[in-house]
Amino acid sequence: MNALSLPCSLLVLCCGLLAACSTLPPQGITPVTGFEPARYSGKWYEIARP
């Protein structure tokens, strides 16, 4: 192993992890219509947890 193998491996690993964290929605996705954000704002309480 040469001196560049570890830094190159880390660079490839970091690029792969960053590519996996894409925040773009898939093609063909449409947003929900009629969503009322005010209806869901406020304090929420947990009723049950599985």
C-alpha atoms as a PDB file:
ATOM      1  CA  MET A   1       0.000   0.000   0.000  1.00  0.00           C
ATOM      2  CA  ASN A   2       1.293   3.412  -0.850  1.00  0.00           C
ATOM      3  CA  ALA A   3       0.845   6.691   1.024  1.00  0.00           C
ATOM      4  CA  LEU A   4      -2.079   7.826  -1.155  1.00  0.00           C
ATOM      5  CA  SER A   5      -4.305   4.770  -0.770  1.00  0.00           C
ATOM      6  CA  LEU A   6      -5.867   5.787   2.572  1.00  0.00           C
ATOM      7  CA  PRO A   7      -6.647   9.422   1.635  1.00  0.00           C
ATOM      8  CA  CYS A   8      -8.057   8.307  -1.730  1.00  0.00           C
ATOM      9  CA  SER A   9     -10.201   5.663  -0.051  1.00  0.00           C
ATOM     10  CA  LEU A  10     -11.545   8.230   2.408  1.00  0.00           C
ATOM     11  CA  LEU A  11     -12.283  10.657  -0.420  1.00  0.00           C
ATOM     12  CA  VAL A  12     -14.214   8.007  -2.350  1.00  0.00           C
ATOM     13  CA  LEU A  13     -16.128   7.020   0.797  1.00  0.00           C
ATOM     14  CA  CYS A  14     -17.052  10.643   1.585  1.00  0.00           C
ATOM     15  CA  CYS A  15     -18.199  11.294  -1.989  1.00  0.00           C
ATOM     16  CA  GLY A  16     -20.348   8.169  -1.875  1.00  0.00           C
ATOM     17  CA  LEU A  17     -21.941   9.185   1.409  1.00  0.00           C
ATOM     18  CA  LEU A  18     -22.669  12.694   0.156  1.00  0.00           C
ATOM     19  CA  ALA A  19     -24.215  11.346  -3.037  1.00  0.00           C
ATOM     20  CA  ALA A  20     -26.476   9.055  -0.994  1.00  0.00           C
ATOM     21  CA  CYS A  21     -27.824  12.039   0.988  1.00  0.00           C
ATOM     22  CA  SER A  22     -29.493  13.740  -1.962  1.00  0.00           C
ATOM     23  CA  THR A  23     -32.553  15.767  -0.999  1.00  0.00           C
ATOM     24  CA  LEU A  24     -34.080  15.990  -4.452  1.00  0.00           C
ATOM     25  CA  PRO A  25     -37.522  14.380  -4.731  1.00  0.00           C
ATOM     26  CA  PRO A  26     -37.956  11.525  -7.209  1.00  0.00           C
ATOM     27  CA  GLN A  27     -39.397  12.282 -10.639  1.00  0.00           C
ATOM     28  CA  GLY A  28     -43.183  12.302 -10.861  1.00  0.00           C
ATOM     29  CA  ILE A  29     -43.848  13.362  -7.261  1.00  0.00           C
ATOM     30  CA  THR A  30     -46.551  16.004  -6.843  1.00  0.00           C
ATOM     31  CA  PRO A  31     -47.205  17.935  -3.622  1.00  0.00           C
ATOM     32  CA  VAL A  32     -50.389  17.474  -1.641  1.00  0.00           C
ATOM     33  CA  THR A  33     -53.112  19.983  -2.433  1.00  0.00           C
ATOM     34  CA  GLY A  34     -55.287  21.533   0.231  1.00  0.00           C
ATOM     35  CA  PHE A  35     -52.719  21.217   3.021  1.00  0.00           C
ATOM     36  CA  GLU A  36     -53.449  23.525   5.968  1.00  0.00           C
ATOM     37  CA  PRO A  37     -50.230  24.149   7.955  1.00  0.00           C
ATOM     38  CA  ALA A  38     -52.083  26.144  10.656  1.00  0.00           C
ATOM     39  CA  ARG A  39     -54.110  23.028  11.466  1.00  0.00           C
ATOM     40  CA  TYR A  40     -50.960  21.127  12.380  1.00  0.00           C
ATOM     41  CA  SER A  41     -49.053  23.857  14.222  1.00  0.00           C
ATOM     42  CA  GLY A  42     -49.012  24.145  17.974  1.00  0.00           C
ATOM     43  CA  LYS A  43     -48.182  21.790  20.810  1.00  0.00           C
ATOM     44  CA  TRP A  44     -48.358  18.082  20.104  1.00  0.00           C
ATOM     45  CA  TYR A  45     -48.582  15.331  22.660  1.00  0.00           C
ATOM     46  CA  GLU A  46     -47.589  11.745  22.196  1.00  0.00           C
ATOM     47  CA  ILE A  47     -50.597   9.478  22.689  1.00  0.00           C
ATOM     48  CA  ALA A  48     -48.997   6.076  22.087  1.00  0.00           C
ATOM     49  CA  ARG A  49     -45.728   4.585  21.012  1.00  0.00           C
ATOM     50  CA  PRO A  50     -45.481   1.119  19.447  1.00  0.00           C
END
